[in-house]
Amino acid sequence: MGRSVPGLPIGWMKFLDTVTGTYRYYHSPTNRVHLYPPEVSVSQTPLAKSRRLLN
């Protein structure tokens, strides 16, 4: 399905979603697919920055 990537915690694999062309992260112990790697949290800072530029 995917491949083990150095830097990812044990149990995580990275694979390319051929439909969207983006990478997904698979967590085998929970059998769940995530959009972001486990150490990355999505912040609102880039969105807030872009809103400031538009105003």
PDB file of N, CA and C in Angstrom:
ATOM      1  N   MET A   1       0.820  -1.191   0.000  1.00  0.00           N
ATOM      2  CA  MET A   1       0.000   0.000   0.000  1.00  0.00           C
ATOM      3  C   MET A   1       0.865   1.257   0.000  1.00  0.00           C
ATOM      4  N   GLY A   2       1.735   1.410   0.961  1.00  0.00           N
ATOM      5  CA  GLY A   2       2.573   2.601   1.054  1.00  0.00           C
ATOM      6  C   GLY A   2       3.991   2.201   1.359  1.00  0.00           C
ATOM      7  N   ARG A   3       4.749   3.166   1.813  1.00  0.00           N
ATOM      8  CA  ARG A   3       6.118   2.836   2.183  1.00  0.00           C
ATOM      9  C   ARG A   3       6.468   3.545   3.471  1.00  0.00           C
ATOM     10  N   SER A   4       7.358   2.911   4.198  1.00  0.00           N
ATOM     11  CA  SER A   4       7.830   3.480   5.450  1.00  0.00           C
ATOM     12  C   SER A   4       8.763   4.644   5.127  1.00  0.00           C
ATOM     13  N   VAL A   5       8.605   5.747   5.801  1.00  0.00           N
ATOM     14  CA  VAL A   5       9.395   6.947   5.532  1.00  0.00           C
ATOM     15  C   VAL A   5      10.207   7.287   6.773  1.00  0.00           C
ATOM     16  N   PRO A   6      11.533   7.528   6.621  1.00  0.00           N
ATOM     17  CA  PRO A   6      12.325   7.940   7.774  1.00  0.00           C
ATOM     18  C   PRO A   6      11.754   9.225   8.375  1.00  0.00           C
ATOM     19  N   GLY A   7      11.671   9.271   9.690  1.00  0.00           N
ATOM     20  CA  GLY A   7      11.125  10.440  10.361  1.00  0.00           C
ATOM     21  C   GLY A   7       9.690  10.266  10.804  1.00  0.00           C
ATOM     22  N   LEU A   8       8.966   9.339  10.183  1.00  0.00           N
ATOM     23  CA  LEU A   8       7.601   9.067  10.626  1.00  0.00           C
ATOM     24  C   LEU A   8       7.647   8.092  11.794  1.00  0.00           C
ATOM     25  N   PRO A   9       6.761   8.245  12.755  1.00  0.00           N
ATOM     26  CA  PRO A   9       6.720   7.295  13.872  1.00  0.00           C
ATOM     27  C   PRO A   9       6.394   5.879  13.393  1.00  0.00           C
ATOM     28  N   ILE A  10       6.698   4.904  14.224  1.00  0.00           N
ATOM     29  CA  ILE A  10       6.412   3.504  13.900  1.00  0.00           C
ATOM     30  C   ILE A  10       4.912   3.339  13.704  1.00  0.00           C
ATOM     31  N   GLY A  11       4.538   2.616  12.661  1.00  0.00           N
ATOM     32  CA  GLY A  11       3.131   2.370  12.372  1.00  0.00           C
ATOM     33  C   GLY A  11       2.550   3.303  11.325  1.00  0.00           C
ATOM     34  N   TRP A  12       3.311   4.294  10.886  1.00  0.00           N
ATOM     35  CA  TRP A  12       2.841   5.244   9.881  1.00  0.00           C
ATOM     36  C   TRP A  12       3.482   4.950   8.540  1.00  0.00           C
ATOM     37  N   MET A  13       2.707   5.093   7.462  1.00  0.00           N
ATOM     38  CA  MET A  13       3.220   4.925   6.107  1.00  0.00           C
ATOM     39  C   MET A  13       2.700   6.063   5.247  1.00  0.00           C
ATOM     40  N   LYS A  14       3.461   6.406   4.213  1.00  0.00           N
ATOM     41  CA  LYS A  14       3.092   7.484   3.300  1.00  0.00           C
ATOM     42  C   LYS A  14       2.761   6.868   1.946  1.00  0.00           C
ATOM     43  N   PHE A  15       1.671   7.320   1.328  1.00  0.00           N
ATOM     44  CA  PHE A  15       1.349   6.834  -0.009  1.00  0.00           C
ATOM     45  C   PHE A  15       0.736   7.951  -0.841  1.00  0.00           C
ATOM     46  N   LEU A  16       0.836   7.812  -2.154  1.00  0.00           N
ATOM     47  CA  LEU A  16       0.311   8.801  -3.078  1.00  0.00           C
ATOM     48  C   LEU A  16      -1.103   8.421  -3.472  1.00  0.00           C
ATOM     49  N   ASP A  17      -2.037   9.332  -3.267  1.00  0.00           N
ATOM     50  CA  ASP A  17      -3.414   9.140  -3.712  1.00  0.00           C
ATOM     51  C   ASP A  17      -3.445   9.514  -5.190  1.00  0.00           C
ATOM     52  N   THR A  18      -3.607   8.534  -6.061  1.00  0.00           N
ATOM     53  CA  THR A  18      -3.533   8.781  -7.502  1.00  0.00           C
ATOM     54  C   THR A  18      -4.732   9.564  -8.030  1.00  0.00           C
ATOM     55  N   VAL A  19      -5.820   9.589  -7.296  1.00  0.00           N
ATOM     56  CA  VAL A  19      -6.998  10.346  -7.734  1.00  0.00           C
ATOM     57  C   VAL A  19      -6.771  11.845  -7.545  1.00  0.00           C
ATOM     58  N   THR A  20      -6.277  12.235  -6.371  1.00  0.00           N
ATOM     59  CA  THR A  20      -6.083  13.660  -6.077  1.00  0.00           C
ATOM     60  C   THR A  20      -4.659  14.137  -6.356  1.00  0.00           C
ATOM     61  N   GLY A  21      -3.710  13.214  -6.442  1.00  0.00           N
ATOM     62  CA  GLY A  21      -2.318  13.585  -6.665  1.00  0.00           C
ATOM     63  C   GLY A  21      -1.620  14.097  -5.419  1.00  0.00           C
ATOM     64  N   THR A  22      -2.197  13.840  -4.245  1.00  0.00           N
ATOM     65  CA  THR A  22      -1.594  14.289  -2.992  1.00  0.00           C
ATOM     66  C   THR A  22      -1.174  13.088  -2.158  1.00  0.00           C
ATOM     67  N   TYR A  23      -0.264  13.333  -1.222  1.00  0.00           N
ATOM     68  CA  TYR A  23       0.174  12.263  -0.336  1.00  0.00           C
ATOM     69  C   TYR A  23      -0.789  12.112   0.829  1.00  0.00           C
ATOM     70  N   ARG A  24      -0.975  10.884   1.259  1.00  0.00           N
ATOM     71  CA  ARG A  24      -1.797  10.556   2.427  1.00  0.00           C
ATOM     72  C   ARG A  24      -0.919   9.774   3.394  1.00  0.00           C
ATOM     73  N   TYR A  25      -1.311   9.773   4.634  1.00  0.00           N
ATOM     74  CA  TYR A  25      -0.549   9.087   5.676  1.00  0.00           C
ATOM     75  C   TYR A  25      -1.440   8.055   6.336  1.00  0.00           C
ATOM     76  N   TYR A  26      -0.989   6.805   6.308  1.00  0.00           N
ATOM     77  CA  TYR A  26      -1.767   5.679   6.822  1.00  0.00           C
ATOM     78  C   TYR A  26      -1.222   5.259   8.179  1.00  0.00           C
ATOM     79  N   HIS A  27      -2.092   5.135   9.169  1.00  0.00           N
ATOM     80  CA  HIS A  27      -1.712   4.692  10.504  1.00  0.00           C
ATOM     81  C   HIS A  27      -2.211   3.270  10.672  1.00  0.00           C
ATOM     82  N   SER A  28      -1.307   2.304  10.609  1.00  0.00           N
ATOM     83  CA  SER A  28      -1.714   0.896  10.597  1.00  0.00           C
ATOM     84  C   SER A  28      -2.346   0.401  11.898  1.00  0.00           C
ATOM     85  N   PRO A  29      -1.921   0.846  13.098  1.00  0.00           N
ATOM     86  CA  PRO A  29      -2.592   0.339  14.305  1.00  0.00           C
ATOM     87  C   PRO A  29      -4.080   0.693  14.372  1.00  0.00           C
ATOM     88  N   THR A  30      -4.456   1.861  13.846  1.00  0.00           N
ATOM     89  CA  THR A  30      -5.869   2.263  13.897  1.00  0.00           C
ATOM     90  C   THR A  30      -6.572   2.089  12.559  1.00  0.00           C
ATOM     91  N   ASN A  31      -5.813   1.728  11.513  1.00  0.00           N
ATOM     92  CA  ASN A  31      -6.358   1.521  10.171  1.00  0.00           C
ATOM     93  C   ASN A  31      -7.052   2.788   9.653  1.00  0.00           C
ATOM     94  N   ARG A  32      -6.431   3.956   9.905  1.00  0.00           N
ATOM     95  CA  ARG A  32      -7.008   5.231   9.474  1.00  0.00           C
ATOM     96  C   ARG A  32      -6.060   5.955   8.528  1.00  0.00           C
ATOM     97  N   VAL A  33      -6.634   6.732   7.621  1.00  0.00           N
ATOM     98  CA  VAL A  33      -5.862   7.527   6.672  1.00  0.00           C
ATOM     99  C   VAL A  33      -5.995   8.996   7.056  1.00  0.00           C
ATOM    100  N   HIS A  34      -4.859   9.702   7.059  1.00  0.00           N
ATOM    101  CA  HIS A  34      -4.818  11.111   7.443  1.00  0.00           C
ATOM    102  C   HIS A  34      -4.261  11.943   6.290  1.00  0.00           C
ATOM    103  N   LEU A  35      -4.642  13.201   6.233  1.00  0.00           N
ATOM    104  CA  LEU A  35      -4.137  14.107   5.199  1.00  0.00           C
ATOM    105  C   LEU A  35      -2.755  14.654   5.529  1.00  0.00           C
ATOM    106  N   TYR A  36      -2.433  14.719   6.813  1.00  0.00           N
ATOM    107  CA  TYR A  36      -1.176  15.312   7.254  1.00  0.00           C
ATOM    108  C   TYR A  36      -0.382  14.302   8.067  1.00  0.00           C
ATOM    109  N   PRO A  37       0.960  14.422   8.052  1.00  0.00           N
ATOM    110  CA  PRO A  37       1.772  13.533   8.877  1.00  0.00           C
ATOM    111  C   PRO A  37       1.466  13.758  10.356  1.00  0.00           C
ATOM    112  N   PRO A  38       1.785  12.795  11.207  1.00  0.00           N
ATOM    113  CA  PRO A  38       1.396  12.884  12.613  1.00  0.00           C
ATOM    114  C   PRO A  38       1.979  14.074  13.363  1.00  0.00           C
ATOM    115  N   GLU A  39       3.145  14.563  12.987  1.00  0.00           N
ATOM    116  CA  GLU A  39       3.753  15.660  13.738  1.00  0.00           C
ATOM    117  C   GLU A  39       3.307  17.032  13.238  1.00  0.00           C
ATOM    118  N   VAL A  40       2.543  17.091  12.163  1.00  0.00           N
ATOM    119  CA  VAL A  40       2.107  18.364  11.597  1.00  0.00           C
ATOM    120  C   VAL A  40       0.689  18.667  12.048  1.00  0.00           C
ATOM    121  N   SER A  41       0.502  19.840  12.612  1.00  0.00           N
ATOM    122  CA  SER A  41      -0.852  20.281  12.952  1.00  0.00           C
ATOM    123  C   SER A  41      -1.210  21.435  12.029  1.00  0.00           C
ATOM    124  N   VAL A  42      -2.426  21.470  11.581  1.00  0.00           N
ATOM    125  CA  VAL A  42      -2.872  22.506  10.665  1.00  0.00           C
ATOM    126  C   VAL A  42      -3.212  23.752  11.476  1.00  0.00           C
ATOM    127  N   SER A  43      -2.512  24.834  11.184  1.00  0.00           N
ATOM    128  CA  SER A  43      -2.770  26.075  11.915  1.00  0.00           C
ATOM    129  C   SER A  43      -3.580  27.027  11.044  1.00  0.00           C
ATOM    130  N   GLN A  44      -4.155  28.015  11.665  1.00  0.00           N
ATOM    131  CA  GLN A  44      -4.939  29.009  10.940  1.00  0.00           C
ATOM    132  C   GLN A  44      -4.092  30.220  10.548  1.00  0.00           C
ATOM    133  N   THR A  45      -2.808  30.220  10.880  1.00  0.00           N
ATOM    134  CA  THR A  45      -1.959  31.376  10.611  1.00  0.00           C
ATOM    135  C   THR A  45      -1.887  31.734   9.126  1.00  0.00           C
ATOM    136  N   PRO A  46      -1.651  30.789   8.212  1.00  0.00           N
ATOM    137  CA  PRO A  46      -1.595  31.175   6.792  1.00  0.00           C
ATOM    138  C   PRO A  46      -2.909  31.788   6.303  1.00  0.00           C
ATOM    139  N   LEU A  47      -4.023  31.269   6.764  1.00  0.00           N
ATOM    140  CA  LEU A  47      -5.316  31.799   6.366  1.00  0.00           C
ATOM    141  C   LEU A  47      -5.496  33.214   6.905  1.00  0.00           C
ATOM    142  N   ALA A  48      -5.138  33.429   8.149  1.00  0.00           N
ATOM    143  CA  ALA A  48      -5.256  34.752   8.752  1.00  0.00           C
ATOM    144  C   ALA A  48      -4.358  35.751   8.027  1.00  0.00           C
ATOM    145  N   LYS A  49      -3.164  35.306   7.636  1.00  0.00           N
ATOM    146  CA  LYS A  49      -2.240  36.161   6.917  1.00  0.00           C
ATOM    147  C   LYS A  49      -2.831  36.581   5.573  1.00  0.00           C
ATOM    148  N   SER A  50      -3.407  35.638   4.845  1.00  0.00           N
ATOM    149  CA  SER A  50      -3.962  35.953   3.533  1.00  0.00           C
ATOM    150  C   SER A  50      -5.170  36.870   3.657  1.00  0.00           C
ATOM    151  N   ARG A  51      -5.950  36.726   4.699  1.00  0.00           N
ATOM    152  CA  ARG A  51      -7.099  37.616   4.908  1.00  0.00           C
ATOM    153  C   ARG A  51      -6.632  39.041   5.178  1.00  0.00           C
ATOM    154  N   ARG A  52      -5.527  39.163   5.916  1.00  0.00           N
ATOM    155  CA  ARG A  52      -4.991  40.481   6.216  1.00  0.00           C
ATOM    156  C   ARG A  52      -4.531  41.181   4.936  1.00  0.00           C
ATOM    157  N   LEU A  53      -3.956  40.417   4.010  1.00  0.00           N
ATOM    158  CA  LEU A  53      -3.476  40.996   2.762  1.00  0.00           C
ATOM    159  C   LEU A  53      -4.631  41.452   1.878  1.00  0.00           C
ATOM    160  N   LEU A  54      -5.766  40.765   1.966  1.00  0.00           N
ATOM    161  CA  LEU A  54      -6.908  41.117   1.134  1.00  0.00           C
ATOM    162  C   LEU A  54      -7.630  42.362   1.634  1.00  0.00           C
ATOM    163  N   ASN A  55      -7.529  42.632   2.922  1.00  0.00           N
ATOM    164  CA  ASN A  55      -8.255  43.789   3.491  1.00  0.00           C
ATOM    165  C   ASN A  55      -7.480  45.064   3.368  1.00  0.00           C
TER     166      ASN A  55
END
